[in-house]
Structures are given as C-alpha cells and as structure tokens.
Amino acid sequence: MARVIDPVCGTEIESDKTAVQSKFEGQTYFFCSTTCAREFDNNPREILERREAPHTTKGKFTAPKFGSAASGGLEFE
C-alpha cells in the first residue's frame, strides 16, 4: 500500500503493515503503536490540528514553530 505518517508521533509507516488504525470523520488514520492510537482516540481533533499547524503560544501570542520566515522574528521578553 502507501507510506503514511502517524499523526501522533510523526513516524512514517506502511499502511498495509500496521494493524493499528482508527477512523475519524470518515478518514482512516494509521499508527505505529497502540499507544499512539489511544492518544489519537482520546482527542483526534486536537492531534490533527497540532499536526497541520505547528505553533507555539505564550500568553496571548501565537507564532509559527521553528522560526518560520513569516513569523517576523517575534521574540518574547
């Protein structure tokens, strides 16, 4: 089958070689372990949002993670 990314830990896996999977809103997600699958099942929306838009928040300020060029060099004091 296809190589997919575990949405919890980011590990790349073969979708046909893992028995651990879960469905959320009609989409099937594959996991490297039952631990990752359980974490996903406890709060899938939060896991997927974190995966799609990595960011960091401090107080009222949110900025892209890893010093994105679009961050404008935001620094916290």
Protein backbone atom coordinates (compact mmCIF):
# COMPACT_ATOMS: atom_id res chain seq x y z
CA MET A 1 0.00 0.00 0.00
CA ALA A 2 1.20 3.50 0.80
CA ARG A 3 3.62 5.10 3.20
CA VAL A 4 1.71 7.24 5.68
CA ILE A 5 2.58 9.41 8.68
CA ASP A 6 1.41 8.51 12.18
CA PRO A 7 -0.48 11.71 13.14
CA VAL A 8 0.58 11.46 16.79
CA CYS A 9 4.35 10.94 16.66
CA GLY A 10 5.15 11.63 13.00
CA THR A 11 6.67 8.20 12.29
CA GLU A 12 6.46 7.13 8.64
CA ILE A 13 4.89 3.67 8.32
CA GLU A 14 3.47 1.33 5.67
CA SER A 15 -0.32 1.45 5.93
CA ASP A 16 -0.65 -2.22 4.95
CA LYS A 17 1.89 -3.40 7.55
CA THR A 18 0.24 -1.93 10.64
CA ALA A 19 -2.79 -3.42 12.31
CA VAL A 20 -3.35 -0.27 14.35
CA GLN A 21 -5.78 2.13 12.75
CA SER A 22 -8.65 4.40 13.69
CA LYS A 23 -11.40 6.25 11.86
CA PHE A 24 -12.35 9.86 12.47
CA GLU A 25 -14.88 11.82 10.42
CA GLY A 26 -14.79 9.23 7.62
CA GLN A 27 -10.97 9.21 7.31
CA THR A 28 -8.78 6.25 8.31
CA TYR A 29 -5.58 7.02 10.23
CA PHE A 30 -2.72 4.56 10.76
CA PHE A 31 -0.44 4.33 13.80
CA CYS A 32 2.94 2.86 14.67
CA SER A 33 1.67 1.61 18.05
CA THR A 34 -1.41 1.14 20.19
CA THR A 35 -0.10 3.92 22.44
CA CYS A 36 -0.30 6.44 19.57
CA ALA A 37 -3.73 5.12 18.55
CA ARG A 38 -5.07 5.53 22.11
CA GLU A 39 -3.73 9.08 22.33
CA PHE A 40 -5.41 9.89 18.98
CA ASP A 41 -8.71 8.30 20.02
CA ASN A 42 -8.77 10.38 23.22
CA ASN A 43 -8.67 13.67 21.28
CA PRO A 44 -8.42 13.30 17.49
CA ARG A 45 -9.32 16.89 16.63
CA GLU A 46 -6.52 18.31 18.78
CA ILE A 47 -3.98 15.85 17.34
CA LEU A 48 -4.92 16.73 13.77
CA GLU A 49 -4.86 20.48 14.40
CA ARG A 50 -1.44 20.21 16.01
CA ARG A 51 -0.15 18.22 13.04
CA GLU A 52 -1.47 20.64 10.43
CA ALA A 53 -0.41 23.92 12.02
CA PRO A 54 2.60 23.63 14.31
CA HIS A 55 2.80 26.69 16.50
CA THR A 56 3.78 27.82 19.93
CA THR A 57 1.77 30.01 22.26
CA LYS A 58 2.99 32.14 25.12
CA GLY A 59 0.42 34.24 26.89
CA LYS A 60 -1.75 35.92 24.26
CA PHE A 61 0.82 35.50 21.47
CA THR A 62 0.94 32.63 18.97
CA ALA A 63 3.79 32.21 16.49
CA PRO A 64 4.85 29.53 13.99
CA LYS A 65 7.23 26.91 15.36
CA PHE A 66 10.79 26.53 14.10
CA GLY A 67 11.37 30.20 13.24
CA SER A 68 9.30 30.41 10.08
CA ALA A 69 10.26 33.30 7.82
CA ALA A 70 6.68 34.52 8.14
CA SER A 71 6.98 34.84 11.91
CA GLY A 72 8.54 38.29 11.61
CA GLY A 73 11.13 37.50 14.24
CA LEU A 74 8.68 37.67 17.13
CA GLU A 75 10.53 37.43 20.44
CA PHE A 76 9.16 37.13 23.94
CA GLU A 77 10.63 39.01 26.89
